[in-house]
Amino acid sequence: LAVMQRGEWSGWAPTAFLGGRLGGRRLGI
C-alpha cells in the first residue's frame, strides 16, 4: 500500500513483496 501511495510501483515482478501462505501454518491462540 505504501509503495502505491508513493507512486513508486513500476509493475509486477516475480520476487517483489513475497509474503507467506497461511494454509498449513500453526496458529497459537
mmCIF file of all heavy atoms, coordinates in Angstrom:
data_MODEL
# 
_entry.id   MODEL 
# 
loop_
_atom_site.group_PDB 
_atom_site.id 
_atom_site.type_symbol 
_atom_site.label_atom_id 
_atom_site.label_alt_id 
_atom_site.label_comp_id 
_atom_site.label_asym_id 
_atom_site.label_entity_id 
_atom_site.label_seq_id 
_atom_site.pdbx_PDB_ins_code 
_atom_site.Cartn_x 
_atom_site.Cartn_y 
_atom_site.Cartn_z 
_atom_site.occupancy 
_atom_site.B_iso_or_equiv 
_atom_site.pdbx_formal_charge 
_atom_site.auth_seq_id 
_atom_site.auth_comp_id 
_atom_site.auth_asym_id 
_atom_site.auth_atom_id 
_atom_site.pdbx_PDB_model_num 
ATOM 1   N N   . LEU A 1 1  ? 0.826  -1.209  0.000   1.00 0.00 ? 1  LEU A N   1 
ATOM 2   C CA  . LEU A 1 1  ? 0.000  0.000   0.000   1.00 0.00 ? 1  LEU A CA  1 
ATOM 3   C C   . LEU A 1 1  ? 0.856  1.253   0.000   1.00 0.00 ? 1  LEU A C   1 
ATOM 4   O O   . LEU A 1 1  ? 0.580  2.218   -0.732  1.00 0.00 ? 1  LEU A O   1 
ATOM 5   C CB  . LEU A 1 1  ? -0.914 -0.012  1.236   1.00 0.00 ? 1  LEU A CB  1 
ATOM 6   C CG  . LEU A 1 1  ? -1.813 1.203   1.442   1.00 0.00 ? 1  LEU A CG  1 
ATOM 7   C CD1 . LEU A 1 1  ? -2.781 1.358   0.279   1.00 0.00 ? 1  LEU A CD1 1 
ATOM 8   C CD2 . LEU A 1 1  ? -2.572 1.073   2.755   1.00 0.00 ? 1  LEU A CD2 1 
ATOM 9   N N   . ALA A 1 2  ? 1.926  1.242   0.800   1.00 0.00 ? 2  ALA A N   1 
ATOM 10  C CA  . ALA A 1 2  ? 2.797  2.416   0.876   1.00 0.00 ? 2  ALA A CA  1 
ATOM 11  C C   . ALA A 1 2  ? 3.463  2.703   -0.463  1.00 0.00 ? 2  ALA A C   1 
ATOM 12  O O   . ALA A 1 2  ? 3.585  3.869   -0.884  1.00 0.00 ? 2  ALA A O   1 
ATOM 13  C CB  . ALA A 1 2  ? 3.855  2.209   1.962   1.00 0.00 ? 2  ALA A CB  1 
ATOM 14  N N   . VAL A 1 3  ? 3.905  1.665   -1.161  1.00 0.00 ? 3  VAL A N   1 
ATOM 15  C CA  . VAL A 1 3  ? 4.531  1.851   -2.469  1.00 0.00 ? 3  VAL A CA  1 
ATOM 16  C C   . VAL A 1 3  ? 3.536  2.459   -3.460  1.00 0.00 ? 3  VAL A C   1 
ATOM 17  O O   . VAL A 1 3  ? 3.872  3.367   -4.242  1.00 0.00 ? 3  VAL A O   1 
ATOM 18  C CB  . VAL A 1 3  ? 5.078  0.509   -2.993  1.00 0.00 ? 3  VAL A CB  1 
ATOM 19  C CG1 . VAL A 1 3  ? 5.429  0.604   -4.468  1.00 0.00 ? 3  VAL A CG1 1 
ATOM 20  C CG2 . VAL A 1 3  ? 6.312  0.094   -2.198  1.00 0.00 ? 3  VAL A CG2 1 
ATOM 21  N N   . MET A 1 4  ? 2.304  1.976   -3.433  1.00 0.00 ? 4  MET A N   1 
ATOM 22  C CA  . MET A 1 4  ? 1.280  2.512   -4.333  1.00 0.00 ? 4  MET A CA  1 
ATOM 23  C C   . MET A 1 4  ? 0.965  3.975   -4.018  1.00 0.00 ? 4  MET A C   1 
ATOM 24  O O   . MET A 1 4  ? 0.833  4.811   -4.920  1.00 0.00 ? 4  MET A O   1 
ATOM 25  C CB  . MET A 1 4  ? 0.005  1.677   -4.238  1.00 0.00 ? 4  MET A CB  1 
ATOM 26  C CG  . MET A 1 4  ? 0.169  0.234   -4.682  1.00 0.00 ? 4  MET A CG  1 
ATOM 27  S SD  . MET A 1 4  ? 0.708  0.062   -6.403  1.00 0.00 ? 4  MET A SD  1 
ATOM 28  C CE  . MET A 1 4  ? -0.803 0.529   -7.240  1.00 0.00 ? 4  MET A CE  1 
ATOM 29  N N   . GLN A 1 5  ? 0.870  4.292   -2.721  1.00 0.00 ? 5  GLN A N   1 
ATOM 30  C CA  . GLN A 1 5  ? 0.546  5.666   -2.331  1.00 0.00 ? 5  GLN A CA  1 
ATOM 31  C C   . GLN A 1 5  ? 1.674  6.637   -2.664  1.00 0.00 ? 5  GLN A C   1 
ATOM 32  O O   . GLN A 1 5  ? 1.422  7.810   -2.937  1.00 0.00 ? 5  GLN A O   1 
ATOM 33  C CB  . GLN A 1 5  ? 0.213  5.711   -0.836  1.00 0.00 ? 5  GLN A CB  1 
ATOM 34  C CG  . GLN A 1 5  ? -1.115 5.027   -0.493  1.00 0.00 ? 5  GLN A CG  1 
ATOM 35  C CD  . GLN A 1 5  ? -1.417 5.056   0.981   1.00 0.00 ? 5  GLN A CD  1 
ATOM 36  O OE1 . GLN A 1 5  ? -0.516 5.016   1.827   1.00 0.00 ? 5  GLN A OE1 1 
ATOM 37  N NE2 . GLN A 1 5  ? -2.695 5.109   1.333   1.00 0.00 ? 5  GLN A NE2 1 
ATOM 38  N N   . ARG A 1 6  ? 2.918  6.139   -2.659  1.00 0.00 ? 6  ARG A N   1 
ATOM 39  C CA  . ARG A 1 6  ? 4.055  6.995   -3.019  1.00 0.00 ? 6  ARG A CA  1 
ATOM 40  C C   . ARG A 1 6  ? 4.254  7.077   -4.527  1.00 0.00 ? 6  ARG A C   1 
ATOM 41  O O   . ARG A 1 6  ? 5.110  7.815   -4.997  1.00 0.00 ? 6  ARG A O   1 
ATOM 42  C CB  . ARG A 1 6  ? 5.341  6.475   -2.359  1.00 0.00 ? 6  ARG A CB  1 
ATOM 43  C CG  . ARG A 1 6  ? 5.370  6.595   -0.836  1.00 0.00 ? 6  ARG A CG  1 
ATOM 44  C CD  . ARG A 1 6  ? 6.786  6.394   -0.298  1.00 0.00 ? 6  ARG A CD  1 
ATOM 45  N NE  . ARG A 1 6  ? 7.339  5.101   -0.658  1.00 0.00 ? 6  ARG A NE  1 
ATOM 46  C CZ  . ARG A 1 6  ? 7.326  4.016   0.126   1.00 0.00 ? 6  ARG A CZ  1 
ATOM 47  N NH1 . ARG A 1 6  ? 6.742  4.096   1.334   1.00 0.00 ? 6  ARG A NH1 1 
ATOM 48  N NH2 . ARG A 1 6  ? 7.855  2.876   -0.269  1.00 0.00 ? 6  ARG A NH2 1 
ATOM 49  N N   . GLY A 1 7  ? 3.497  6.312   -5.291  1.00 0.00 ? 7  GLY A N   1 
ATOM 50  C CA  . GLY A 1 7  ? 3.631  6.323   -6.735  1.00 0.00 ? 7  GLY A CA  1 
ATOM 51  C C   . GLY A 1 7  ? 4.915  5.683   -7.224  1.00 0.00 ? 7  GLY A C   1 
ATOM 52  O O   . GLY A 1 7  ? 5.429  6.044   -8.284  1.00 0.00 ? 7  GLY A O   1 
ATOM 53  N N   . GLU A 1 8  ? 5.428  4.700   -6.474  1.00 0.00 ? 8  GLU A N   1 
ATOM 54  C CA  . GLU A 1 8  ? 6.721  4.099   -6.802  1.00 0.00 ? 8  GLU A CA  1 
ATOM 55  C C   . GLU A 1 8  ? 6.605  2.748   -7.500  1.00 0.00 ? 8  GLU A C   1 
ATOM 56  O O   . GLU A 1 8  ? 7.623  2.133   -7.824  1.00 0.00 ? 8  GLU A O   1 
ATOM 57  C CB  . GLU A 1 8  ? 7.556  3.948   -5.524  1.00 0.00 ? 8  GLU A CB  1 
ATOM 58  C CG  . GLU A 1 8  ? 7.899  5.275   -4.852  1.00 0.00 ? 8  GLU A CG  1 
ATOM 59  C CD  . GLU A 1 8  ? 8.638  5.080   -3.539  1.00 0.00 ? 8  GLU A CD  1 
ATOM 60  O OE1 . GLU A 1 8  ? 8.795  3.911   -3.113  1.00 0.00 ? 8  GLU A OE1 1 
ATOM 61  O OE2 . GLU A 1 8  ? 9.048  6.087   -2.923  1.00 0.00 ? 8  GLU A OE2 1 
ATOM 62  N N   . TRP A 1 9  ? 5.391  2.256   -7.730  1.00 0.00 ? 9  TRP A N   1 
ATOM 63  C CA  . TRP A 1 9  ? 5.263  0.927   -8.325  1.00 0.00 ? 9  TRP A CA  1 
ATOM 64  C C   . TRP A 1 9  ? 5.514  0.997   -9.825  1.00 0.00 ? 9  TRP A C   1 
ATOM 65  O O   . TRP A 1 9  ? 4.902  1.784   -10.546 1.00 0.00 ? 9  TRP A O   1 
ATOM 66  C CB  . TRP A 1 9  ? 3.863  0.378   -8.066  1.00 0.00 ? 9  TRP A CB  1 
ATOM 67  C CG  . TRP A 1 9  ? 3.695  -1.046  -8.486  1.00 0.00 ? 9  TRP A CG  1 
ATOM 68  C CD1 . TRP A 1 9  ? 4.469  -2.106  -8.153  1.00 0.00 ? 9  TRP A CD1 1 
ATOM 69  C CD2 . TRP A 1 9  ? 2.656  -1.559  -9.330  1.00 0.00 ? 9  TRP A CD2 1 
ATOM 70  N NE1 . TRP A 1 9  ? 4.000  -3.254  -8.719  1.00 0.00 ? 9  TRP A NE1 1 
ATOM 71  C CE2 . TRP A 1 9  ? 2.878  -2.956  -9.453  1.00 0.00 ? 9  TRP A CE2 1 
ATOM 72  C CE3 . TRP A 1 9  ? 1.566  -0.989  -9.989  1.00 0.00 ? 9  TRP A CE3 1 
ATOM 73  C CZ2 . TRP A 1 9  ? 2.049  -3.791  -10.206 1.00 0.00 ? 9  TRP A CZ2 1 
ATOM 74  C CZ3 . TRP A 1 9  ? 0.736  -1.811  -10.739 1.00 0.00 ? 9  TRP A CZ3 1 
ATOM 75  C CH2 . TRP A 1 9  ? 0.976  -3.202  -10.851 1.00 0.00 ? 9  TRP A CH2 1 
ATOM 76  N N   . SER A 1 10 ? 6.412  0.151   -10.299 1.00 0.00 ? 10 SER A N   1 
ATOM 77  C CA  . SER A 1 10 ? 6.763  0.150   -11.721 1.00 0.00 ? 10 SER A CA  1 
ATOM 78  C C   . SER A 1 10 ? 6.248  -1.092  -12.440 1.00 0.00 ? 10 SER A C   1 
ATOM 79  O O   . SER A 1 10 ? 6.518  -1.273  -13.630 1.00 0.00 ? 10 SER A O   1 
ATOM 80  C CB  . SER A 1 10 ? 8.287  0.235   -11.888 1.00 0.00 ? 10 SER A CB  1 
ATOM 81  O OG  . SER A 1 10 ? 8.924  -0.845  -11.212 1.00 0.00 ? 10 SER A OG  1 
ATOM 82  N N   . GLY A 1 11 ? 5.516  -1.927  -11.739 1.00 0.00 ? 11 GLY A N   1 
ATOM 83  C CA  . GLY A 1 11 ? 4.962  -3.114  -12.385 1.00 0.00 ? 11 GLY A CA  1 
ATOM 84  C C   . GLY A 1 11 ? 5.278  -4.383  -11.616 1.00 0.00 ? 11 GLY A C   1 
ATOM 85  O O   . GLY A 1 11 ? 6.118  -4.402  -10.710 1.00 0.00 ? 11 GLY A O   1 
ATOM 86  N N   . TRP A 1 12 ? 4.603  -5.462  -12.010 1.00 0.00 ? 12 TRP A N   1 
ATOM 87  C CA  . TRP A 1 12 ? 4.740  -6.747  -11.334 1.00 0.00 ? 12 TRP A CA  1 
ATOM 88  C C   . TRP A 1 12 ? 6.136  -7.318  -11.500 1.00 0.00 ? 12 TRP A C   1 
ATOM 89  O O   . TRP A 1 12 ? 6.771  -7.153  -12.555 1.00 0.00 ? 12 TRP A O   1 
ATOM 90  C CB  . TRP A 1 12 ? 3.715  -7.720  -11.916 1.00 0.00 ? 12 TRP A CB  1 
ATOM 91  C CG  . TRP A 1 12 ? 3.755  -9.081  -11.299 1.00 0.00 ? 12 TRP A CG  1 
ATOM 92  C CD1 . TRP A 1 12 ? 3.121  -9.496  -10.170 1.00 0.00 ? 12 TRP A CD1 1 
ATOM 93  C CD2 . TRP A 1 12 ? 4.467  -10.230 -11.793 1.00 0.00 ? 12 TRP A CD2 1 
ATOM 94  N NE1 . TRP A 1 12 ? 3.382  -10.814 -9.920  1.00 0.00 ? 12 TRP A NE1 1 
ATOM 95  C CE2 . TRP A 1 12 ? 4.210  -11.303 -10.895 1.00 0.00 ? 12 TRP A CE2 1 
ATOM 96  C CE3 . TRP A 1 12 ? 5.303  -10.448 -12.888 1.00 0.00 ? 12 TRP A CE3 1 
ATOM 97  C CZ2 . TRP A 1 12 ? 4.746  -12.570 -11.072 1.00 0.00 ? 12 TRP A CZ2 1 
ATOM 98  C CZ3 . TRP A 1 12 ? 5.840  -11.725 -13.068 1.00 0.00 ? 12 TRP A CZ3 1 
ATOM 99  C CH2 . TRP A 1 12 ? 5.568  -12.770 -12.172 1.00 0.00 ? 12 TRP A CH2 1 
ATOM 100 N N   . ALA A 1 13 ? 6.627  -7.975  -10.442 1.00 0.00 ? 13 ALA A N   1 
ATOM 101 C CA  . ALA A 1 13 ? 7.922  -8.655  -10.516 1.00 0.00 ? 13 ALA A CA  1 
ATOM 102 C C   . ALA A 1 13 ? 7.824  -9.972  -9.749  1.00 0.00 ? 13 ALA A C   1 
ATOM 103 O O   . ALA A 1 13 ? 7.148  -10.046 -8.719  1.00 0.00 ? 13 ALA A O   1 
ATOM 104 C CB  . ALA A 1 13 ? 9.023  -7.779  -9.918  1.00 0.00 ? 13 ALA A CB  1 
ATOM 105 N N   . PRO A 1 14 ? 8.492  -11.022 -10.223 1.00 0.00 ? 14 PRO A N   1 
ATOM 106 C CA  . PRO A 1 14 ? 8.343  -12.352 -9.617  1.00 0.00 ? 14 PRO A CA  1 
ATOM 107 C C   . PRO A 1 14 ? 8.744  -12.433 -8.156  1.00 0.00 ? 14 PRO A C   1 
ATOM 108 O O   . PRO A 1 14 ? 8.217  -13.276 -7.418  1.00 0.00 ? 14 PRO A O   1 
ATOM 109 C CB  . PRO A 1 14 ? 9.253  -13.229 -10.488 1.00 0.00 ? 14 PRO A CB  1 
ATOM 110 C CG  . PRO A 1 14 ? 9.359  -12.508 -11.778 1.00 0.00 ? 14 PRO A CG  1 
ATOM 111 C CD  . PRO A 1 14 ? 9.331  -11.058 -11.440 1.00 0.00 ? 14 PRO A CD  1 
ATOM 112 N N   . THR A 1 15 ? 9.674  -11.584 -7.727  1.00 0.00 ? 15 THR A N   1 
ATOM 113 C CA  . THR A 1 15 ? 10.170 -11.694 -6.354  1.00 0.00 ? 15 THR A CA  1 
ATOM 114 C C   . THR A 1 15 ? 9.786  -10.502 -5.477  1.00 0.00 ? 15 THR A C   1 
ATOM 115 O O   . THR A 1 15 ? 10.318 -10.352 -4.381  1.00 0.00 ? 15 THR A O   1 
ATOM 116 C CB  . THR A 1 15 ? 11.706 -11.830 -6.379  1.00 0.00 ? 15 THR A CB  1 
ATOM 117 O OG1 . THR A 1 15 ? 12.263 -10.681 -7.036  1.00 0.00 ? 15 THR A OG1 1 
ATOM 118 C CG2 . THR A 1 15 ? 12.133 -13.094 -7.086  1.00 0.00 ? 15 THR A CG2 1 
ATOM 119 N N   . ALA A 1 16 ? 8.870  -9.670  -5.949  1.00 0.00 ? 16 ALA A N   1 
ATOM 120 C CA  . ALA A 1 16 ? 8.508  -8.472  -5.184  1.00 0.00 ? 16 ALA A CA  1 
ATOM 121 C C   . ALA A 1 16 ? 7.450  -8.789  -4.121  1.00 0.00 ? 16 ALA A C   1 
ATOM 122 O O   . ALA A 1 16 ? 6.502  -9.529  -4.376  1.00 0.00 ? 16 ALA A O   1 
ATOM 123 C CB  . ALA A 1 16 ? 7.986  -7.392  -6.125  1.00 0.00 ? 16 ALA A CB  1 
ATOM 124 N N   . PHE A 1 17 ? 7.634  -8.249  -2.958  1.00 0.00 ? 17 PHE A N   1 
ATOM 125 C CA  . PHE A 1 17 ? 6.667  -8.310  -1.852  1.00 0.00 ? 17 PHE A CA  1 
ATOM 126 C C   . PHE A 1 17 ? 6.227  -9.731  -1.527  1.00 0.00 ? 17 PHE A C   1 
ATOM 127 O O   . PHE A 1 17 ? 5.042  -9.997  -1.312  1.00 0.00 ? 17 PHE A O   1 
ATOM 128 C CB  . PHE A 1 17 ? 5.432  -7.442  -2.166  1.00 0.00 ? 17 PHE A CB  1 
ATOM 129 C CG  . PHE A 1 17 ? 5.752  -6.013  -2.449  1.00 0.00 ? 17 PHE A CG  1 
ATOM 130 C CD1 . PHE A 1 17 ? 5.630  -5.506  -3.733  1.00 0.00 ? 17 PHE A CD1 1 
ATOM 131 C CD2 . PHE A 1 17 ? 6.206  -5.174  -1.441  1.00 0.00 ? 17 PHE A CD2 1 
ATOM 132 C CE1 . PHE A 1 17 ? 5.943  -4.192  -4.000  1.00 0.00 ? 17 PHE A CE1 1 
ATOM 133 C CE2 . PHE A 1 17 ? 6.518  -3.859  -1.702  1.00 0.00 ? 17 PHE A CE2 1 
ATOM 134 C CZ  . PHE A 1 17 ? 6.397  -3.361  -2.981  1.00 0.00 ? 17 PHE A CZ  1 
ATOM 135 N N   . LEU A 1 18 ? 7.186  -10.630 -1.483  1.00 0.00 ? 18 LEU A N   1 
ATOM 136 C CA  . LEU A 1 18 ? 6.843  -12.015 -1.189  1.00 0.00 ? 18 LEU A CA  1 
ATOM 137 C C   . LEU A 1 18 ? 6.494  -12.179 0.291   1.00 0.00 ? 18 LEU A C   1 
ATOM 138 O O   . LEU A 1 18 ? 7.302  -11.890 1.173   1.00 0.00 ? 18 LEU A O   1 
ATOM 139 C CB  . LEU A 1 18 ? 8.005  -12.934 -1.552  1.00 0.00 ? 18 LEU A CB  1 
ATOM 140 C CG  . LEU A 1 18 ? 8.377  -12.992 -3.042  1.00 0.00 ? 18 LEU A CG  1 
ATOM 141 C CD1 . LEU A 1 18 ? 9.532  -13.953 -3.249  1.00 0.00 ? 18 LEU A CD1 1 
ATOM 142 C CD2 . LEU A 1 18 ? 7.170  -13.404 -3.878  1.00 0.00 ? 18 LEU A CD2 1 
ATOM 143 N N   . GLY A 1 19 ? 5.292  -12.639 0.546   1.00 0.00 ? 19 GLY A N   1 
ATOM 144 C CA  . GLY A 1 19 ? 4.865  -12.942 1.909   1.00 0.00 ? 19 GLY A CA  1 
ATOM 145 C C   . GLY A 1 19 ? 4.792  -14.434 2.106   1.00 0.00 ? 19 GLY A C   1 
ATOM 146 O O   . GLY A 1 19 ? 5.515  -15.199 1.455   1.00 0.00 ? 19 GLY A O   1 
ATOM 147 N N   . GLY A 1 20 ? 3.934  -14.849 3.012   1.00 0.00 ? 20 GLY A N   1 
ATOM 148 C CA  . GLY A 1 20 ? 3.803  -16.271 3.289   1.00 0.00 ? 20 GLY A CA  1 
ATOM 149 C C   . GLY A 1 20 ? 2.364  -16.733 3.190   1.00 0.00 ? 20 GLY A C   1 
ATOM 150 O O   . GLY A 1 20 ? 1.435  -15.983 3.504   1.00 0.00 ? 20 GLY A O   1 
ATOM 151 N N   . ARG A 1 21 ? 2.157  -17.953 2.760   1.00 0.00 ? 21 ARG A N   1 
ATOM 152 C CA  . ARG A 1 21 ? 0.828  -18.549 2.663   1.00 0.00 ? 21 ARG A CA  1 
ATOM 153 C C   . ARG A 1 21 ? 0.345  -18.922 4.062   1.00 0.00 ? 21 ARG A C   1 
ATOM 154 O O   . ARG A 1 21 ? 1.099  -19.454 4.880   1.00 0.00 ? 21 ARG A O   1 
ATOM 155 C CB  . ARG A 1 21 ? 0.899  -19.784 1.776   1.00 0.00 ? 21 ARG A CB  1 
ATOM 156 C CG  . ARG A 1 21 ? -0.415 -20.524 1.601   1.00 0.00 ? 21 ARG A CG  1 
ATOM 157 C CD  . ARG A 1 21 ? -0.214 -21.760 0.737   1.00 0.00 ? 21 ARG A CD  1 
ATOM 158 N NE  . ARG A 1 21 ? 0.200  -21.393 -0.621  1.00 0.00 ? 21 ARG A NE  1 
ATOM 159 C CZ  . ARG A 1 21 ? 0.708  -22.238 -1.490  1.00 0.00 ? 21 ARG A CZ  1 
ATOM 160 N NH1 . ARG A 1 21 ? 0.900  -23.512 -1.148  1.00 0.00 ? 21 ARG A NH1 1 
ATOM 161 N NH2 . ARG A 1 21 ? 1.046  -21.843 -2.704  1.00 0.00 ? 21 ARG A NH2 1 
ATOM 162 N N   . LEU A 1 22 ? -0.933 -18.661 4.335   1.00 0.00 ? 22 LEU A N   1 
ATOM 163 C CA  . LEU A 1 22 ? -1.475 -19.005 5.649   1.00 0.00 ? 22 LEU A CA  1 
ATOM 164 C C   . LEU A 1 22 ? -1.752 -20.499 5.787   1.00 0.00 ? 22 LEU A C   1 
ATOM 165 O O   . LEU A 1 22 ? -1.530 -21.080 6.855   1.00 0.00 ? 22 LEU A O   1 
ATOM 166 C CB  . LEU A 1 22 ? -2.772 -18.234 5.914   1.00 0.00 ? 22 LEU A CB  1 
ATOM 167 C CG  . LEU A 1 22 ? -2.676 -16.732 6.164   1.00 0.00 ? 22 LEU A CG  1 
ATOM 168 C CD1 . LEU A 1 22 ? -4.010 -16.198 6.652   1.00 0.00 ? 22 LEU A CD1 1 
ATOM 169 C CD2 . LEU A 1 22 ? -1.594 -16.422 7.189   1.00 0.00 ? 22 LEU A CD2 1 
ATOM 170 N N   . GLY A 1 23 ? -2.252 -21.111 4.729   1.00 0.00 ? 23 GLY A N   1 
ATOM 171 C CA  . GLY A 1 23 ? -2.623 -22.515 4.793   1.00 0.00 ? 23 GLY A CA  1 
ATOM 172 C C   . GLY A 1 23 ? -1.486 -23.393 5.272   1.00 0.00 ? 23 GLY A C   1 
ATOM 173 O O   . GLY A 1 23 ? -0.372 -23.320 4.753   1.00 0.00 ? 23 GLY A O   1 
ATOM 174 N N   . GLY A 1 24 ? -1.756 -24.226 6.273   1.00 0.00 ? 24 GLY A N   1 
ATOM 175 C CA  . GLY A 1 24 ? -0.757 -25.144 6.806   1.00 0.00 ? 24 GLY A CA  1 
ATOM 176 C C   . GLY A 1 24 ? 0.061  -24.593 7.960   1.00 0.00 ? 24 GLY A C   1 
ATOM 177 O O   . GLY A 1 24 ? 0.763  -25.346 8.631   1.00 0.00 ? 24 GLY A O   1 
ATOM 178 N N   . ARG A 1 25 ? -0.024 -23.293 8.205   1.00 0.00 ? 25 ARG A N   1 
ATOM 179 C CA  . ARG A 1 25 ? 0.744  -22.723 9.323   1.00 0.00 ? 25 ARG A CA  1 
ATOM 180 C C   . ARG A 1 25 ? 0.051  -23.023 10.652  1.00 0.00 ? 25 ARG A C   1 
ATOM 181 O O   . ARG A 1 25 ? -1.162 -23.244 10.716  1.00 0.00 ? 25 ARG A O   1 
ATOM 182 C CB  . ARG A 1 25 ? 0.900  -21.215 9.154   1.00 0.00 ? 25 ARG A CB  1 
ATOM 183 C CG  . ARG A 1 25 ? 1.767  -20.818 7.986   1.00 0.00 ? 25 ARG A CG  1 
ATOM 184 C CD  . ARG A 1 25 ? 2.180  -19.371 8.080   1.00 0.00 ? 25 ARG A CD  1 
ATOM 185 N NE  . ARG A 1 25 ? 3.020  -18.990 6.953   1.00 0.00 ? 25 ARG A NE  1 
ATOM 186 C CZ  . ARG A 1 25 ? 3.812  -17.926 6.941   1.00 0.00 ? 25 ARG A CZ  1 
ATOM 187 N NH1 . ARG A 1 25 ? 3.860  -17.128 7.996   1.00 0.00 ? 25 ARG A NH1 1 
ATOM 188 N NH2 . ARG A 1 25 ? 4.552  -17.644 5.887   1.00 0.00 ? 25 ARG A NH2 1 
ATOM 189 N N   . ARG A 1 26 ? 0.852  -22.981 11.723  1.00 0.00 ? 26 ARG A N   1 
ATOM 190 C CA  . ARG A 1 26 ? 0.330  -23.208 13.065  1.00 0.00 ? 26 ARG A CA  1 
ATOM 191 C C   . ARG A 1 26 ? 0.003  -21.876 13.730  1.00 0.00 ? 26 ARG A C   1 
ATOM 192 O O   . ARG A 1 26 ? 0.862  -21.009 13.851  1.00 0.00 ? 26 ARG A O   1 
ATOM 193 C CB  . ARG A 1 26 ? 1.357  -23.950 13.921  1.00 0.00 ? 26 ARG A CB  1 
ATOM 194 C CG  . ARG A 1 26 ? 1.617  -25.387 13.503  1.00 0.00 ? 26 ARG A CG  1 
ATOM 195 C CD  . ARG A 1 26 ? 2.654  -26.020 14.423  1.00 0.00 ? 26 ARG A CD  1 
ATOM 196 N NE  . ARG A 1 26 ? 2.837  -27.431 14.151  1.00 0.00 ? 26 ARG A NE  1 
ATOM 197 C CZ  . ARG A 1 26 ? 3.682  -28.215 14.816  1.00 0.00 ? 26 ARG A CZ  1 
ATOM 198 N NH1 . ARG A 1 26 ? 4.436  -27.703 15.783  1.00 0.00 ? 26 ARG A NH1 1 
ATOM 199 N NH2 . ARG A 1 26 ? 3.773  -29.494 14.510  1.00 0.00 ? 26 ARG A NH2 1 
ATOM 200 N N   . LEU A 1 27 ? -1.240 -21.740 14.164  1.00 0.00 ? 27 LEU A N   1 
ATOM 201 C CA  . LEU A 1 27 ? -1.684 -20.564 14.897  1.00 0.00 ? 27 LEU A CA  1 
ATOM 202 C C   . LEU A 1 27 ? -1.851 -20.933 16.358  1.00 0.00 ? 27 LEU A C   1 
ATOM 203 O O   . LEU A 1 27 ? -2.625 -21.835 16.691  1.00 0.00 ? 27 LEU A O   1 
ATOM 204 C CB  . LEU A 1 27 ? -3.023 -20.057 14.334  1.00 0.00 ? 27 LEU A CB  1 
ATOM 205 C CG  . LEU A 1 27 ? -3.750 -18.994 15.161  1.00 0.00 ? 27 LEU A CG  1 
ATOM 206 C CD1 . LEU A 1 27 ? -2.954 -17.685 15.198  1.00 0.00 ? 27 LEU A CD1 1 
ATOM 207 C CD2 . LEU A 1 27 ? -5.158 -18.763 14.630  1.00 0.00 ? 27 LEU A CD2 1 
ATOM 208 N N   . GLY A 1 28 ? -1.156 -20.219 17.246  1.00 0.00 ? 28 GLY A N   1 
ATOM 209 C CA  . GLY A 1 28 ? -1.291 -20.429 18.675  1.00 0.00 ? 28 GLY A CA  1 
ATOM 210 C C   . GLY A 1 28 ? -2.104 -19.302 19.287  1.00 0.00 ? 28 GLY A C   1 
ATOM 211 O O   . GLY A 1 28 ? -1.682 -18.142 19.251  1.00 0.00 ? 28 GLY A O   1 
ATOM 212 N N   . ILE A 1 29 ? -3.261 -19.624 19.828  1.00 0.00 ? 29 ILE A N   1 
ATOM 213 C CA  . ILE A 1 29 ? -4.157 -18.630 20.405  1.00 0.00 ? 29 ILE A CA  1 
ATOM 214 C C   . ILE A 1 29 ? -3.944 -18.587 21.909  1.00 0.00 ? 29 ILE A C   1 
ATOM 215 O O   . ILE A 1 29 ? -4.113 -19.601 22.598  1.00 0.00 ? 29 ILE A O   1 
ATOM 216 C CB  . ILE A 1 29 ? -5.629 -18.937 20.066  1.00 0.00 ? 29 ILE A CB  1 
ATOM 217 C CG1 . ILE A 1 29 ? -5.833 -18.916 18.547  1.00 0.00 ? 29 ILE A CG1 1 
ATOM 218 C CG2 . ILE A 1 29 ? -6.562 -17.948 20.753  1.00 0.00 ? 29 ILE A CG2 1 
ATOM 219 C CD1 . ILE A 1 29 ? -7.220 -19.355 18.108  1.00 0.00 ? 29 ILE A CD1 1 
# 
